[in-house]
Amino acid sequence: MENEFFELKKMTDDLVSSFRVLDNHITKSGDMSVLKMTDEYQLQYKDVFKNLQGELQLTSDFLKEAREEIAIIQNSRTMNGAEKTKEIQEIKRLVNLKLKLQDVSGTRKFVIDELVPKAVTR
């Protein structure tokens, strides 16, 4: 499930980056030659993907903290093997629970099947 999450995050980050570049060319530099790209990238979806990116970043930060906690536990000299295993399993359980509650698989499927085809027409 983590792999699906990071695929979704990368796809979202890439789209937000593309929208940002397009938007910057139009609004900041006045480069109207990129207007033909608005046929491919539908700017009305920019905020949808920016909001999704923000939500995904919070989850990414949580996953990073979980990995750091696991590393600390693995390197602990005060815990025995059984204690380490128990703590690590609990962290992994919480990670999986968070990803399930966020319906990462369903969100990823919705983004791929519904949002991306509307936001990017090639």
PDB file of N, CA and C in Angstrom:
ATOM      1  N   MET A   1       0.819  -1.190   0.000  1.00  0.00           N
ATOM      2  CA  MET A   1       0.000   0.000   0.000  1.00  0.00           C
ATOM      3  C   MET A   1       0.871   1.265   0.000  1.00  0.00           C
ATOM      4  N   GLU A   2       2.044   1.178   0.640  1.00  0.00           N
ATOM      5  CA  GLU A   2       2.940   2.341   0.625  1.00  0.00           C
ATOM      6  C   GLU A   2       3.397   2.662  -0.790  1.00  0.00           C
ATOM      7  N   ASN A   3       3.641   1.621  -1.585  1.00  0.00           N
ATOM      8  CA  ASN A   3       4.065   1.855  -2.970  1.00  0.00           C
ATOM      9  C   ASN A   3       2.986   2.602  -3.747  1.00  0.00           C
ATOM     10  N   GLU A   4       1.733   2.206  -3.549  1.00  0.00           N
ATOM     11  CA  GLU A   4       0.629   2.905  -4.207  1.00  0.00           C
ATOM     12  C   GLU A   4       0.581   4.359  -3.755  1.00  0.00           C
ATOM     13  N   PHE A   5       0.792   4.571  -2.466  1.00  0.00           N
ATOM     14  CA  PHE A   5       0.775   5.935  -1.947  1.00  0.00           C
ATOM     15  C   PHE A   5       1.850   6.775  -2.639  1.00  0.00           C
ATOM     16  N   PHE A   6       3.072   6.249  -2.693  1.00  0.00           N
ATOM     17  CA  PHE A   6       4.156   7.048  -3.264  1.00  0.00           C
ATOM     18  C   PHE A   6       3.998   7.238  -4.769  1.00  0.00           C
ATOM     19  N   GLU A   7       3.372   6.289  -5.465  1.00  0.00           N
ATOM     20  CA  GLU A   7       3.041   6.496  -6.879  1.00  0.00           C
ATOM     21  C   GLU A   7       2.056   7.654  -7.028  1.00  0.00           C
ATOM     22  N   LEU A   8       1.029   7.636  -6.188  1.00  0.00           N
ATOM     23  CA  LEU A   8       0.024   8.697  -6.209  1.00  0.00           C
ATOM     24  C   LEU A   8       0.661  10.046  -5.889  1.00  0.00           C
ATOM     25  N   LYS A   9       1.521  10.073  -4.897  1.00  0.00           N
ATOM     26  CA  LYS A   9       2.177  11.327  -4.502  1.00  0.00           C
ATOM     27  C   LYS A   9       3.051  11.855  -5.630  1.00  0.00           C
ATOM     28  N   LYS A  10       3.829  10.977  -6.255  1.00  0.00           N
ATOM     29  CA  LYS A  10       4.704  11.413  -7.344  1.00  0.00           C
ATOM     30  C   LYS A  10       3.878  11.948  -8.518  1.00  0.00           C
ATOM     31  N   MET A  11       2.818  11.231  -8.869  1.00  0.00           N
ATOM     32  CA  MET A  11       1.960  11.673  -9.962  1.00  0.00           C
ATOM     33  C   MET A  11       1.357  13.044  -9.645  1.00  0.00           C
ATOM     34  N   THR A  12       0.887  13.210  -8.426  1.00  0.00           N
ATOM     35  CA  THR A  12       0.283  14.481  -8.010  1.00  0.00           C
ATOM     36  C   THR A  12       1.324  15.589  -8.006  1.00  0.00           C
ATOM     37  N   ASP A  13       2.496  15.315  -7.443  1.00  0.00           N
ATOM     38  CA  ASP A  13       3.569  16.318  -7.427  1.00  0.00           C
ATOM     39  C   ASP A  13       3.956  16.744  -8.840  1.00  0.00           C
ATOM     40  N   ASP A  14       4.046  15.767  -9.748  1.00  0.00           N
ATOM     41  CA  ASP A  14       4.404  16.087 -11.140  1.00  0.00           C
ATOM     42  C   ASP A  14       3.340  16.963 -11.803  1.00  0.00           C
ATOM     43  N   LEU A  15       2.075  16.642 -11.568  1.00  0.00           N
ATOM     44  CA  LEU A  15       0.999  17.449 -12.158  1.00  0.00           C
ATOM     45  C   LEU A  15       0.976  18.859 -11.581  1.00  0.00           C
ATOM     46  N   VAL A  16       1.132  18.967 -10.268  1.00  0.00           N
ATOM     47  CA  VAL A  16       1.154  20.296  -9.642  1.00  0.00           C
ATOM     48  C   VAL A  16       2.320  21.103 -10.197  1.00  0.00           C
ATOM     49  N   SER A  17       3.454  20.467 -10.378  1.00  0.00           N
ATOM     50  CA  SER A  17       4.618  21.148 -10.939  1.00  0.00           C
ATOM     51  C   SER A  17       4.323  21.636 -12.364  1.00  0.00           C
ATOM     52  N   SER A  18       3.696  20.802 -13.164  1.00  0.00           N
ATOM     53  CA  SER A  18       3.350  21.202 -14.533  1.00  0.00           C
ATOM     54  C   SER A  18       2.364  22.365 -14.531  1.00  0.00           C
ATOM     55  N   PHE A  19       1.350  22.284 -13.668  1.00  0.00           N
ATOM     56  CA  PHE A  19       0.392  23.384 -13.562  1.00  0.00           C
ATOM     57  C   PHE A  19       1.086  24.671 -13.111  1.00  0.00           C
ATOM     58  N   ARG A  20       2.014  24.550 -12.169  1.00  0.00           N
ATOM     59  CA  ARG A  20       2.717  25.723 -11.649  1.00  0.00           C
ATOM     60  C   ARG A  20       3.557  26.378 -12.733  1.00  0.00           C
ATOM     61  N   VAL A  21       4.272  25.569 -13.509  1.00  0.00           N
ATOM     62  CA  VAL A  21       5.097  26.109 -14.591  1.00  0.00           C
ATOM     63  C   VAL A  21       4.219  26.832 -15.608  1.00  0.00           C
ATOM     64  N   LEU A  22       3.146  26.187 -15.990  1.00  0.00           N
ATOM     65  CA  LEU A  22       2.232  26.789 -16.959  1.00  0.00           C
ATOM     66  C   LEU A  22       1.653  28.091 -16.419  1.00  0.00           C
ATOM     67  N   ASP A  23       1.191  28.059 -15.186  1.00  0.00           N
ATOM     68  CA  ASP A  23       0.603  29.244 -14.556  1.00  0.00           C
ATOM     69  C   ASP A  23       1.626  30.373 -14.437  1.00  0.00           C
ATOM     70  N   ASN A  24       2.855  30.044 -14.043  1.00  0.00           N
ATOM     71  CA  ASN A  24       3.910  31.059 -13.912  1.00  0.00           C
ATOM     72  C   ASN A  24       4.245  31.705 -15.242  1.00  0.00           C
ATOM     73  N   HIS A  25       4.270  30.918 -16.300  1.00  0.00           N
ATOM     74  CA  HIS A  25       4.565  31.477 -17.621  1.00  0.00           C
ATOM     75  C   HIS A  25       3.494  32.476 -18.038  1.00  0.00           C
ATOM     76  N   ILE A  26       2.272  32.152 -17.727  1.00  0.00           N
ATOM     77  CA  ILE A  26       1.174  33.031 -18.135  1.00  0.00           C
ATOM     78  C   ILE A  26       1.095  34.265 -17.245  1.00  0.00           C
ATOM     79  N   THR A  27       1.105  34.068 -15.916  1.00  0.00           N
ATOM     80  CA  THR A  27       0.839  35.177 -15.007  1.00  0.00           C
ATOM     81  C   THR A  27       2.064  36.014 -14.680  1.00  0.00           C
ATOM     82  N   LYS A  28       3.211  35.405 -14.524  1.00  0.00           N
ATOM     83  CA  LYS A  28       4.389  36.166 -14.085  1.00  0.00           C
ATOM     84  C   LYS A  28       5.239  36.689 -15.225  1.00  0.00           C
ATOM     85  N   SER A  29       5.433  35.869 -16.238  1.00  0.00           N
ATOM     86  CA  SER A  29       6.294  36.332 -17.327  1.00  0.00           C
ATOM     87  C   SER A  29       5.497  36.849 -18.516  1.00  0.00           C
ATOM     88  N   GLY A  30       4.194  36.648 -18.486  1.00  0.00           N
ATOM     89  CA  GLY A  30       3.373  37.132 -19.596  1.00  0.00           C
ATOM     90  C   GLY A  30       3.607  36.370 -20.883  1.00  0.00           C
ATOM     91  N   ASP A  31       4.197  35.196 -20.780  1.00  0.00           N
ATOM     92  CA  ASP A  31       4.509  34.371 -21.943  1.00  0.00           C
ATOM     93  C   ASP A  31       3.236  33.695 -22.442  1.00  0.00           C
ATOM     94  N   MET A  32       2.632  34.264 -23.439  1.00  0.00           N
ATOM     95  CA  MET A  32       1.368  33.743 -23.942  1.00  0.00           C
ATOM     96  C   MET A  32       1.555  32.575 -24.907  1.00  0.00           C
ATOM     97  N   SER A  33       2.818  32.264 -25.239  1.00  0.00           N
ATOM     98  CA  SER A  33       3.051  31.136 -26.144  1.00  0.00           C
ATOM     99  C   SER A  33       2.669  29.812 -25.485  1.00  0.00           C
ATOM    100  N   VAL A  34       2.573  29.803 -24.180  1.00  0.00           N
ATOM    101  CA  VAL A  34       2.192  28.574 -23.483  1.00  0.00           C
ATOM    102  C   VAL A  34       0.679  28.381 -23.445  1.00  0.00           C
ATOM    103  N   LEU A  35      -0.069  29.338 -23.942  1.00  0.00           N
ATOM    104  CA  LEU A  35      -1.527  29.204 -23.927  1.00  0.00           C
ATOM    105  C   LEU A  35      -1.999  27.964 -24.678  1.00  0.00           C
ATOM    106  N   LYS A  36      -1.235  27.562 -25.697  1.00  0.00           N
ATOM    107  CA  LYS A  36      -1.631  26.349 -26.423  1.00  0.00           C
ATOM    108  C   LYS A  36      -1.535  25.113 -25.531  1.00  0.00           C
ATOM    109  N   MET A  37      -0.727  25.195 -24.459  1.00  0.00           N
ATOM    110  CA  MET A  37      -0.634  24.082 -23.511  1.00  0.00           C
ATOM    111  C   MET A  37      -1.884  23.980 -22.647  1.00  0.00           C
ATOM    112  N   THR A  38      -2.675  25.046 -22.587  1.00  0.00           N
ATOM    113  CA  THR A  38      -3.906  24.972 -21.792  1.00  0.00           C
ATOM    114  C   THR A  38      -4.920  24.046 -22.446  1.00  0.00           C
ATOM    115  N   ASP A  39      -4.679  23.682 -23.713  1.00  0.00           N
ATOM    116  CA  ASP A  39      -5.517  22.654 -24.334  1.00  0.00           C
ATOM    117  C   ASP A  39      -5.207  21.290 -23.722  1.00  0.00           C
ATOM    118  N   GLU A  40      -3.954  21.117 -23.322  1.00  0.00           N
ATOM    119  CA  GLU A  40      -3.537  19.843 -22.729  1.00  0.00           C
ATOM    120  C   GLU A  40      -3.762  19.833 -21.221  1.00  0.00           C
ATOM    121  N   TYR A  41      -3.377  20.898 -20.551  1.00  0.00           N
ATOM    122  CA  TYR A  41      -3.515  20.992 -19.092  1.00  0.00           C
ATOM    123  C   TYR A  41      -4.678  21.910 -18.749  1.00  0.00           C
ATOM    124  N   GLN A  42      -5.699  21.358 -18.160  1.00  0.00           N
ATOM    125  CA  GLN A  42      -6.888  22.114 -17.797  1.00  0.00           C
ATOM    126  C   GLN A  42      -6.652  22.808 -16.457  1.00  0.00           C
ATOM    127  N   LEU A  43      -6.408  24.113 -16.500  1.00  0.00           N
ATOM    128  CA  LEU A  43      -6.013  24.861 -15.302  1.00  0.00           C
ATOM    129  C   LEU A  43      -7.066  24.852 -14.202  1.00  0.00           C
ATOM    130  N   GLN A  44      -8.327  24.591 -14.538  1.00  0.00           N
ATOM    131  CA  GLN A  44      -9.354  24.572 -13.502  1.00  0.00           C
ATOM    132  C   GLN A  44      -9.141  23.425 -12.506  1.00  0.00           C
ATOM    133  N   TYR A  45      -8.284  22.459 -12.836  1.00  0.00           N
ATOM    134  CA  TYR A  45      -8.002  21.347 -11.922  1.00  0.00           C
ATOM    135  C   TYR A  45      -6.764  21.591 -11.059  1.00  0.00           C
ATOM    136  N   LYS A  46      -6.119  22.716 -11.267  1.00  0.00           N
ATOM    137  CA  LYS A  46      -4.886  23.027 -10.529  1.00  0.00           C
ATOM    138  C   LYS A  46      -5.113  22.980  -9.020  1.00  0.00           C
ATOM    139  N   ASP A  47      -6.148  23.623  -8.531  1.00  0.00           N
ATOM    140  CA  ASP A  47      -6.397  23.672  -7.089  1.00  0.00           C
ATOM    141  C   ASP A  47      -6.770  22.301  -6.523  1.00  0.00           C
ATOM    142  N   VAL A  48      -7.459  21.493  -7.304  1.00  0.00           N
ATOM    143  CA  VAL A  48      -7.805  20.139  -6.853  1.00  0.00           C
ATOM    144  C   VAL A  48      -6.526  19.361  -6.565  1.00  0.00           C
ATOM    145  N   PHE A  49      -5.574  19.439  -7.481  1.00  0.00           N
ATOM    146  CA  PHE A  49      -4.330  18.703  -7.303  1.00  0.00           C
ATOM    147  C   PHE A  49      -3.436  19.328  -6.229  1.00  0.00           C
ATOM    148  N   LYS A  50      -3.482  20.654  -6.100  1.00  0.00           N
ATOM    149  CA  LYS A  50      -2.719  21.295  -5.020  1.00  0.00           C
ATOM    150  C   LYS A  50      -3.249  20.870  -3.653  1.00  0.00           C
ATOM    151  N   ASN A  51      -4.575  20.797  -3.506  1.00  0.00           N
ATOM    152  CA  ASN A  51      -5.167  20.345  -2.246  1.00  0.00           C
ATOM    153  C   ASN A  51      -4.807  18.891  -1.960  1.00  0.00           C
ATOM    154  N   LEU A  52      -4.889  18.060  -2.983  1.00  0.00           N
ATOM    155  CA  LEU A  52      -4.518  16.657  -2.828  1.00  0.00           C
ATOM    156  C   LEU A  52      -3.048  16.546  -2.444  1.00  0.00           C
ATOM    157  N   GLN A  53      -2.211  17.357  -3.073  1.00  0.00           N
ATOM    158  CA  GLN A  53      -0.782  17.337  -2.762  1.00  0.00           C
ATOM    159  C   GLN A  53      -0.543  17.678  -1.285  1.00  0.00           C
ATOM    160  N   GLY A  54      -1.278  18.654  -0.771  1.00  0.00           N
ATOM    161  CA  GLY A  54      -1.133  19.021   0.631  1.00  0.00           C
ATOM    162  C   GLY A  54      -1.502  17.878   1.558  1.00  0.00           C
ATOM    163  N   GLU A  55      -2.607  17.196   1.259  1.00  0.00           N
ATOM    164  CA  GLU A  55      -3.021  16.050   2.063  1.00  0.00           C
ATOM    165  C   GLU A  55      -1.993  14.924   1.985  1.00  0.00           C
ATOM    166  N   LEU A  56      -1.504  14.672   0.785  1.00  0.00           N
ATOM    167  CA  LEU A  56      -0.519  13.603   0.607  1.00  0.00           C
ATOM    168  C   LEU A  56       0.794  13.940   1.302  1.00  0.00           C
ATOM    169  N   GLN A  57       1.145  15.218   1.349  1.00  0.00           N
ATOM    170  CA  GLN A  57       2.384  15.618   2.028  1.00  0.00           C
ATOM    171  C   GLN A  57       2.300  15.323   3.523  1.00  0.00           C
ATOM    172  N   LEU A  58       1.133  15.544   4.110  1.00  0.00           N
ATOM    173  CA  LEU A  58       0.959  15.228   5.533  1.00  0.00           C
ATOM    174  C   LEU A  58       1.167  13.740   5.782  1.00  0.00           C
ATOM    175  N   THR A  59       0.626  12.922   4.908  1.00  0.00           N
ATOM    176  CA  THR A  59       0.808  11.476   5.043  1.00  0.00           C
ATOM    177  C   THR A  59       2.265  11.098   4.803  1.00  0.00           C
ATOM    178  N   SER A  60       2.890  11.736   3.840  1.00  0.00           N
ATOM    179  CA  SER A  60       4.303  11.472   3.564  1.00  0.00           C
ATOM    180  C   SER A  60       5.161  11.811   4.785  1.00  0.00           C
ATOM    181  N   ASP A  61       4.848  12.913   5.436  1.00  0.00           N
ATOM    182  CA  ASP A  61       5.572  13.290   6.656  1.00  0.00           C
ATOM    183  C   ASP A  61       5.365  12.249   7.755  1.00  0.00           C
ATOM    184  N   PHE A  62       4.136  11.749   7.883  1.00  0.00           N
ATOM    185  CA  PHE A  62       3.839  10.701   8.858  1.00  0.00           C
ATOM    186  C   PHE A  62       4.655   9.445   8.559  1.00  0.00           C
ATOM    187  N   LEU A  63       4.717   9.054   7.293  1.00  0.00           N
ATOM    188  CA  LEU A  63       5.473   7.862   6.911  1.00  0.00           C
ATOM    189  C   LEU A  63       6.964   8.043   7.170  1.00  0.00           C
ATOM    190  N   LYS A  64       7.455   9.243   6.944  1.00  0.00           N
ATOM    191  CA  LYS A  64       8.861   9.534   7.210  1.00  0.00           C
ATOM    192  C   LYS A  64       9.153   9.396   8.702  1.00  0.00           C
ATOM    193  N   GLU A  65       8.270   9.946   9.523  1.00  0.00           N
ATOM    194  CA  GLU A  65       8.447   9.843  10.973  1.00  0.00           C
ATOM    195  C   GLU A  65       8.392   8.378  11.422  1.00  0.00           C
ATOM    196  N   ALA A  66       7.509   7.604  10.813  1.00  0.00           N
ATOM    197  CA  ALA A  66       7.409   6.186  11.152  1.00  0.00           C
ATOM    198  C   ALA A  66       8.702   5.457  10.799  1.00  0.00           C
ATOM    199  N   ARG A  67       9.261   5.744   9.624  1.00  0.00           N
ATOM    200  CA  ARG A  67      10.538   5.120   9.230  1.00  0.00           C
ATOM    201  C   ARG A  67      11.661   5.515  10.179  1.00  0.00           C
ATOM    202  N   GLU A  68      11.658   6.785  10.588  1.00  0.00           N
ATOM    203  CA  GLU A  68      12.684   7.246  11.527  1.00  0.00           C
ATOM    204  C   GLU A  68      12.543   6.555  12.880  1.00  0.00           C
ATOM    205  N   GLU A  69      11.317   6.381  13.345  1.00  0.00           N
ATOM    206  CA  GLU A  69      11.073   5.678  14.605  1.00  0.00           C
ATOM    207  C   GLU A  69      11.542   4.229  14.520  1.00  0.00           C
ATOM    208  N   ILE A  70      11.252   3.600  13.402  1.00  0.00           N
ATOM    209  CA  ILE A  70      11.685   2.209  13.207  1.00  0.00           C
ATOM    210  C   ILE A  70      13.206   2.129  13.237  1.00  0.00           C
ATOM    211  N   ALA A  71      13.877   3.070  12.596  1.00  0.00           N
ATOM    212  CA  ALA A  71      15.344   3.072  12.593  1.00  0.00           C
ATOM    213  C   ALA A  71      15.890   3.247  14.005  1.00  0.00           C
ATOM    214  N   ILE A  72      15.256   4.118  14.782  1.00  0.00           N
ATOM    215  CA  ILE A  72      15.698   4.333  16.169  1.00  0.00           C
ATOM    216  C   ILE A  72      15.531   3.039  16.965  1.00  0.00           C
ATOM    217  N   ILE A  73      14.401   2.393  16.784  1.00  0.00           N
ATOM    218  CA  ILE A  73      14.141   1.138  17.500  1.00  0.00           C
ATOM    219  C   ILE A  73      15.142   0.069  17.087  1.00  0.00           C
ATOM    220  N   GLN A  74      15.372  -0.044  15.789  1.00  0.00           N
ATOM    221  CA  GLN A  74      16.315  -1.057  15.302  1.00  0.00           C
ATOM    222  C   GLN A  74      17.719  -0.840  15.855  1.00  0.00           C
ATOM    223  N   ASN A  75      18.090   0.401  16.067  1.00  0.00           N
ATOM    224  CA  ASN A  75      19.435   0.712  16.556  1.00  0.00           C
ATOM    225  C   ASN A  75      19.507   0.819  18.076  1.00  0.00           C
ATOM    226  N   SER A  76      18.386   0.607  18.747  1.00  0.00           N
ATOM    227  CA  SER A  76      18.348   0.729  20.206  1.00  0.00           C
ATOM    228  C   SER A  76      19.221  -0.336  20.866  1.00  0.00           C
ATOM    229  N   ARG A  77      19.943   0.101  21.863  1.00  0.00           N
ATOM    230  CA  ARG A  77      20.770  -0.837  22.640  1.00  0.00           C
ATOM    231  C   ARG A  77      20.106  -1.184  23.963  1.00  0.00           C
ATOM    232  N   THR A  78      18.953  -0.540  24.222  1.00  0.00           N
ATOM    233  CA  THR A  78      18.280  -0.792  25.499  1.00  0.00           C
ATOM    234  C   THR A  78      17.111  -1.758  25.359  1.00  0.00           C
ATOM    235  N   MET A  79      16.724  -2.060  24.140  1.00  0.00           N
ATOM    236  CA  MET A  79      15.593  -2.967  23.907  1.00  0.00           C
ATOM    237  C   MET A  79      16.117  -4.313  23.422  1.00  0.00           C
ATOM    238  N   ASN A  80      15.439  -5.379  23.836  1.00  0.00           N
ATOM    239  CA  ASN A  80      15.820  -6.691  23.314  1.00  0.00           C
ATOM    240  C   ASN A  80      15.068  -6.938  22.005  1.00  0.00           C
ATOM    241  N   GLY A  81      15.372  -8.049  21.357  1.00  0.00           N
ATOM    242  CA  GLY A  81      14.789  -8.358  20.053  1.00  0.00           C
ATOM    243  C   GLY A  81      13.272  -8.427  20.070  1.00  0.00           C
ATOM    244  N   ALA A  82      12.718  -9.044  21.098  1.00  0.00           N
ATOM    245  CA  ALA A  82      11.258  -9.179  21.192  1.00  0.00           C
ATOM    246  C   ALA A  82      10.595  -7.810  21.344  1.00  0.00           C
ATOM    247  N   GLU A  83      11.195  -6.948  22.153  1.00  0.00           N
ATOM    248  CA  GLU A  83      10.643  -5.599  22.341  1.00  0.00           C
ATOM    249  C   GLU A  83      10.714  -4.801  21.040  1.00  0.00           C
ATOM    250  N   LYS A  84      11.834  -4.919  20.356  1.00  0.00           N
ATOM    251  CA  LYS A  84      11.985  -4.222  19.080  1.00  0.00           C
ATOM    252  C   LYS A  84      10.931  -4.686  18.082  1.00  0.00           C
ATOM    253  N   THR A  85      10.776  -5.995  17.991  1.00  0.00           N
ATOM    254  CA  THR A  85       9.801  -6.563  17.062  1.00  0.00           C
ATOM    255  C   THR A  85       8.398  -6.066  17.374  1.00  0.00           C
ATOM    256  N   LYS A  86       8.042  -6.071  18.639  1.00  0.00           N
ATOM    257  CA  LYS A  86       6.705  -5.631  19.053  1.00  0.00           C
ATOM    258  C   LYS A  86       6.473  -4.164  18.692  1.00  0.00           C
ATOM    259  N   GLU A  87       7.437  -3.312  18.994  1.00  0.00           N
ATOM    260  CA  GLU A  87       7.309  -1.881  18.702  1.00  0.00           C
ATOM    261  C   GLU A  87       7.233  -1.616  17.192  1.00  0.00           C
ATOM    262  N   ILE A  88       8.081  -2.297  16.440  1.00  0.00           N
ATOM    263  CA  ILE A  88       8.104  -2.106  14.987  1.00  0.00           C
ATOM    264  C   ILE A  88       6.798  -2.591  14.368  1.00  0.00           C
ATOM    265  N   GLN A  89       6.290  -3.720  14.830  1.00  0.00           N
ATOM    266  CA  GLN A  89       5.017  -4.220  14.315  1.00  0.00           C
ATOM    267  C   GLN A  89       3.884  -3.244  14.611  1.00  0.00           C
ATOM    268  N   GLU A  90       3.912  -2.621  15.764  1.00  0.00           N
ATOM    269  CA  GLU A  90       2.871  -1.648  16.109  1.00  0.00           C
ATOM    270  C   GLU A  90       2.949  -0.420  15.197  1.00  0.00           C
ATOM    271  N   ILE A  91       4.143   0.046  14.928  1.00  0.00           N
ATOM    272  CA  ILE A  91       4.308   1.191  14.019  1.00  0.00           C
ATOM    273  C   ILE A  91       3.803   0.827  12.628  1.00  0.00           C
ATOM    274  N   LYS A  92       4.174  -0.347  12.150  1.00  0.00           N
ATOM    275  CA  LYS A  92       3.721  -0.779  10.821  1.00  0.00           C
ATOM    276  C   LYS A  92       2.206  -0.946  10.782  1.00  0.00           C
ATOM    277  N   ARG A  93       1.620  -1.414  11.880  1.00  0.00           N
ATOM    278  CA  ARG A  93       0.167  -1.543  11.954  1.00  0.00           C
ATOM    279  C   ARG A  93      -0.493  -0.171  11.836  1.00  0.00           C
ATOM    280  N   LEU A  94       0.081   0.821  12.532  1.00  0.00           N
ATOM    281  CA  LEU A  94      -0.463   2.183  12.475  1.00  0.00           C
ATOM    282  C   LEU A  94      -0.321   2.791  11.075  1.00  0.00           C
ATOM    283  N   VAL A  95       0.805   2.519  10.430  1.00  0.00           N
ATOM    284  CA  VAL A  95       1.022   3.010   9.066  1.00  0.00           C
ATOM    285  C   VAL A  95      -0.029   2.419   8.136  1.00  0.00           C
ATOM    286  N   ASN A  96      -0.205   1.107   8.206  1.00  0.00           N
ATOM    287  CA  ASN A  96      -1.192   0.454   7.340  1.00  0.00           C
ATOM    288  C   ASN A  96      -2.605   0.943   7.629  1.00  0.00           C
ATOM    289  N   LEU A  97      -2.918   1.151   8.903  1.00  0.00           N
ATOM    290  CA  LEU A  97      -4.235   1.658   9.279  1.00  0.00           C
ATOM    291  C   LEU A  97      -4.462   3.049   8.694  1.00  0.00           C
ATOM    292  N   LYS A  98      -3.464   3.903   8.804  1.00  0.00           N
ATOM    293  CA  LYS A  98      -3.584   5.266   8.260  1.00  0.00           C
ATOM    294  C   LYS A  98      -3.816   5.219   6.747  1.00  0.00           C
ATOM    295  N   LEU A  99      -3.057   4.387   6.050  1.00  0.00           N
ATOM    296  CA  LEU A  99      -3.200   4.290   4.599  1.00  0.00           C
ATOM    297  C   LEU A  99      -4.563   3.706   4.218  1.00  0.00           C
ATOM    298  N   LYS A 100      -5.056   2.748   4.997  1.00  0.00           N
ATOM    299  CA  LYS A 100      -6.387   2.183   4.725  1.00  0.00           C
ATOM    300  C   LYS A 100      -7.471   3.218   4.981  1.00  0.00           C
ATOM    301  N   LEU A 101      -7.359   3.941   6.089  1.00  0.00           N
ATOM    302  CA  LEU A 101      -8.369   4.956   6.411  1.00  0.00           C
ATOM    303  C   LEU A 101      -8.406   6.056   5.361  1.00  0.00           C
ATOM    304  N   GLN A 102      -7.257   6.345   4.779  1.00  0.00           N
ATOM    305  CA  GLN A 102      -7.213   7.356   3.713  1.00  0.00           C
ATOM    306  C   GLN A 102      -7.630   6.784   2.370  1.00  0.00           C
ATOM    307  N   ASP A 103      -7.871   5.485   2.337  1.00  0.00           N
ATOM    308  CA  ASP A 103      -8.277   4.806   1.109  1.00  0.00           C
ATOM    309  C   ASP A 103      -7.326   5.154  -0.037  1.00  0.00           C
ATOM    310  N   VAL A 104      -6.053   4.907   0.199  1.00  0.00           N
ATOM    311  CA  VAL A 104      -5.025   5.234  -0.789  1.00  0.00           C
ATOM    312  C   VAL A 104      -5.309   4.539  -2.119  1.00  0.00           C
ATOM    313  N   SER A 105      -5.666   3.271  -2.073  1.00  0.00           N
ATOM    314  CA  SER A 105      -5.938   2.536  -3.322  1.00  0.00           C
ATOM    315  C   SER A 105      -7.106   3.157  -4.081  1.00  0.00           C
ATOM    316  N   GLY A 106      -8.185   3.455  -3.356  1.00  0.00           N
ATOM    317  CA  GLY A 106      -9.355   4.058  -3.996  1.00  0.00           C
ATOM    318  C   GLY A 106      -9.069   5.449  -4.530  1.00  0.00           C
ATOM    319  N   THR A 107      -8.325   6.232  -3.754  1.00  0.00           N
ATOM    320  CA  THR A 107      -7.970   7.589  -4.183  1.00  0.00           C
ATOM    321  C   THR A 107      -7.093   7.533  -5.423  1.00  0.00           C
ATOM    322  N   ARG A 108      -6.105   6.632  -5.403  1.00  0.00           N
ATOM    323  CA  ARG A 108      -5.210   6.484  -6.549  1.00  0.00           C
ATOM    324  C   ARG A 108      -6.014   6.094  -7.796  1.00  0.00           C
ATOM    325  N   LYS A 109      -6.904   5.137  -7.654  1.00  0.00           N
ATOM    326  CA  LYS A 109      -7.738   4.698  -8.781  1.00  0.00           C
ATOM    327  C   LYS A 109      -8.600   5.854  -9.295  1.00  0.00           C
ATOM    328  N   PHE A 110      -9.214   6.611  -8.388  1.00  0.00           N
ATOM    329  CA  PHE A 110     -10.044   7.746  -8.777  1.00  0.00           C
ATOM    330  C   PHE A 110      -9.217   8.798  -9.524  1.00  0.00           C
ATOM    331  N   VAL A 111      -8.038   9.092  -9.003  1.00  0.00           N
ATOM    332  CA  VAL A 111      -7.184  10.097  -9.649  1.00  0.00           C
ATOM    333  C   VAL A 111      -6.790   9.635 -11.048  1.00  0.00           C
ATOM    334  N   ILE A 112      -6.369   8.371 -11.163  1.00  0.00           N
ATOM    335  CA  ILE A 112      -5.927   7.852 -12.464  1.00  0.00           C
ATOM    336  C   ILE A 112      -7.090   7.741 -13.449  1.00  0.00           C
ATOM    337  N   ASP A 113      -8.217   7.218 -12.977  1.00  0.00           N
ATOM    338  CA  ASP A 113      -9.343   6.957 -13.878  1.00  0.00           C
ATOM    339  C   ASP A 113     -10.219   8.172 -14.158  1.00  0.00           C
ATOM    340  N   GLU A 114     -10.337   9.063 -13.178  1.00  0.00           N
ATOM    341  CA  GLU A 114     -11.294  10.164 -13.306  1.00  0.00           C
ATOM    342  C   GLU A 114     -10.644  11.547 -13.443  1.00  0.00           C
ATOM    343  N   LEU A 115      -9.736  11.867 -12.538  1.00  0.00           N
ATOM    344  CA  LEU A 115      -9.193  13.243 -12.513  1.00  0.00           C
ATOM    345  C   LEU A 115      -8.157  13.504 -13.604  1.00  0.00           C
ATOM    346  N   VAL A 116      -7.171  12.627 -13.699  1.00  0.00           N
ATOM    347  CA  VAL A 116      -6.098  12.878 -14.674  1.00  0.00           C
ATOM    348  C   VAL A 116      -6.628  12.990 -16.102  1.00  0.00           C
ATOM    349  N   PRO A 117      -7.548  12.101 -16.533  1.00  0.00           N
ATOM    350  CA  PRO A 117      -8.052  12.261 -17.911  1.00  0.00           C
ATOM    351  C   PRO A 117      -8.773  13.606 -18.141  1.00  0.00           C
ATOM    352  N   LYS A 118      -9.354  14.164 -17.103  1.00  0.00           N
ATOM    353  CA  LYS A 118     -10.025  15.467 -17.241  1.00  0.00           C
ATOM    354  C   LYS A 118      -9.029  16.621 -17.158  1.00  0.00           C
ATOM    355  N   ALA A 119      -8.011  16.456 -16.319  1.00  0.00           N
ATOM    356  CA  ALA A 119      -7.049  17.533 -16.095  1.00  0.00           C
ATOM    357  C   ALA A 119      -5.985  17.606 -17.194  1.00  0.00           C
ATOM    358  N   VAL A 120      -5.646  16.458 -17.755  1.00  0.00           N
ATOM    359  CA  VAL A 120      -4.607  16.408 -18.789  1.00  0.00           C
ATOM    360  C   VAL A 120      -5.171  15.640 -19.975  1.00  0.00           C
ATOM    361  N   THR A 121      -5.372  16.364 -21.053  1.00  0.00           N
ATOM    362  CA  THR A 121      -5.906  15.725 -22.273  1.00  0.00           C
ATOM    363  C   THR A 121      -4.814  15.731 -23.323  1.00  0.00           C
ATOM    364  N   ARG A 122      -4.385  14.540 -23.641  1.00  0.00           N
ATOM    365  CA  ARG A 122      -3.286  14.437 -24.641  1.00  0.00           C
ATOM    366  C   ARG A 122      -3.764  13.804 -25.896  1.00  0.00           C
TER     367      ARG A 122
END
